[in-house]
Protein backbone atom coordinates (compact mmCIF):
# COMPACT_ATOMS: atom_id res chain seq x y z
CA MET A 1 0.15 -101.67 -32.64
CA ILE A 2 -1.22 -101.54 -36.20
CA ASP A 3 -2.18 -104.73 -38.06
CA CYS A 4 -1.42 -105.51 -41.72
CA GLU A 5 -4.64 -103.80 -42.87
CA GLY A 6 -3.72 -100.52 -41.14
CA ARG A 7 -6.08 -100.96 -38.19
CA TYR A 8 -5.06 -100.34 -34.59
CA GLN A 9 -4.98 -103.44 -32.40
CA PHE A 10 -5.30 -103.29 -28.60
CA ASN A 11 -5.50 -105.84 -25.82
CA ALA A 12 -8.45 -106.08 -23.44
CA GLY A 13 -8.25 -103.32 -20.82
CA GLU A 14 -6.30 -100.85 -22.97
CA VAL A 15 -9.12 -98.94 -24.68
CA LEU A 16 -11.61 -96.58 -23.05
CA PHE A 17 -14.79 -95.65 -24.91
CA LEU A 18 -15.30 -91.89 -24.54
CA GLY A 19 -18.60 -91.65 -26.39
CA ALA A 20 -20.12 -91.19 -29.81
CA SER A 21 -21.89 -88.48 -31.74
CA GLY A 22 -23.87 -88.60 -34.95
CA ASP A 23 -25.51 -86.47 -37.58
CA ASP A 24 -28.77 -87.64 -39.10
CA SER A 25 -29.63 -84.30 -40.70
CA THR A 26 -29.07 -85.57 -44.24
CA ALA A 27 -31.82 -87.11 -46.32
CA SER A 28 -29.78 -90.32 -46.56
CA GLU A 29 -30.68 -93.68 -45.04
CA PHE A 30 -27.22 -93.66 -43.46
CA VAL A 31 -26.11 -91.79 -40.35
CA ASP A 32 -22.56 -90.60 -39.82
CA VAL A 33 -21.32 -91.65 -36.39
CA MET A 34 -18.03 -90.56 -34.85
CA TYR A 35 -16.69 -92.73 -32.03
CA ARG A 36 -14.13 -91.43 -29.54
CA PHE A 37 -11.63 -93.63 -27.71
CA ALA A 38 -8.53 -93.28 -25.57
CA ALA A 39 -5.79 -95.88 -25.16
CA SER A 40 -3.50 -96.69 -22.25
CA PRO A 41 -1.17 -99.71 -22.34
CA ASN A 42 -1.48 -102.64 -19.94
CA ARG A 43 1.57 -103.00 -17.68
CA GLU A 44 3.28 -105.93 -15.98
CA ASN A 45 5.85 -106.23 -13.20
CA ILE A 46 5.70 -102.63 -12.00
CA GLU A 47 8.33 -102.17 -9.29
CA ILE A 48 7.63 -99.76 -6.43
CA GLY A 49 10.40 -100.05 -3.86
CA ASP A 50 10.38 -103.68 -2.70
CA ILE A 51 6.87 -104.26 -4.07
CA THR A 52 6.15 -105.70 -7.52
CA VAL A 53 2.69 -105.23 -9.00
CA THR A 54 2.35 -108.21 -11.34
CA SER A 55 -0.22 -106.67 -13.68
CA LYS A 56 -2.35 -103.56 -14.20
CA LEU A 57 -4.75 -103.11 -17.09
CA GLY A 58 -4.43 -99.81 -18.94
CA TRP A 59 -7.37 -97.97 -17.35
CA GLU A 60 -7.10 -99.42 -13.86
CA TYR A 61 -5.81 -97.12 -11.12
CA LEU A 62 -2.65 -97.98 -9.19
CA TRP A 63 -2.11 -96.37 -5.80
CA VAL A 64 0.48 -96.93 -3.10
CA ARG A 65 0.34 -96.70 0.69
CA TYR A 66 3.51 -95.40 2.33
CA GLU A 67 4.77 -95.39 5.92
CA ASP A 68 7.56 -93.46 7.55
CA GLY A 69 10.90 -95.20 7.79
CA VAL A 70 14.45 -94.21 8.66
CA ASP A 71 17.37 -94.26 6.23
CA GLN A 72 20.77 -92.82 7.20
CA ASN A 73 19.17 -90.99 10.15
CA MET A 74 16.57 -89.36 7.89
CA ILE A 75 12.83 -89.98 7.87
CA VAL A 76 11.76 -91.34 4.47
CA GLN A 77 8.53 -92.63 2.98
CA ARG A 78 8.63 -96.37 2.19
CA PRO A 79 5.96 -98.17 0.15
CA VAL A 80 4.21 -100.83 2.23
CA ALA A 81 1.30 -101.76 -0.05
CA ALA A 82 0.18 -101.26 -3.64
CA TYR A 83 -3.42 -101.51 -4.81
CA VAL A 84 -4.91 -101.82 -8.29
CA GLU A 85 -8.51 -100.62 -8.63
CA GLN A 86 -11.00 -101.05 -11.46
CA VAL A 87 -12.35 -97.60 -12.35
CA TYR A 88 -14.50 -98.29 -15.40
CA GLY A 89 -16.77 -101.20 -16.27
CA TYR A 90 -15.73 -103.60 -18.99
CA GLY A 91 -17.63 -104.01 -22.23
CA ASP A 92 -17.56 -105.63 -25.63
CA PHE A 93 -16.98 -103.36 -28.64
CA SER A 94 -18.78 -105.84 -30.90
CA VAL A 95 -22.04 -104.42 -29.47
CA ILE A 96 -21.40 -101.18 -31.39
CA GLY A 97 -20.08 -102.95 -34.48
CA MET A 98 -16.41 -102.20 -33.80
CA VAL A 99 -15.09 -105.77 -34.17
């Protein structure tokens, strides 16, 4: 989403900070800094078989446990549990002046 001033807008959990690099080789009092980010949308009501995952933030990891079942005399994999795991720590972009 882009706001009226042309800036990207994301919800909490959707943006991953990938790092920053800078160049202070100039004789200026300012330093050029390039920030790198990735975005992944938050999701709600993800259906996996008979299971509904109510919410998953963009950079959380969703995995499913399956068990064997029988359908029309064939062995099939049926989802029996879904798990959402936090992979990265959460932070506040105002610390780096991004808000």
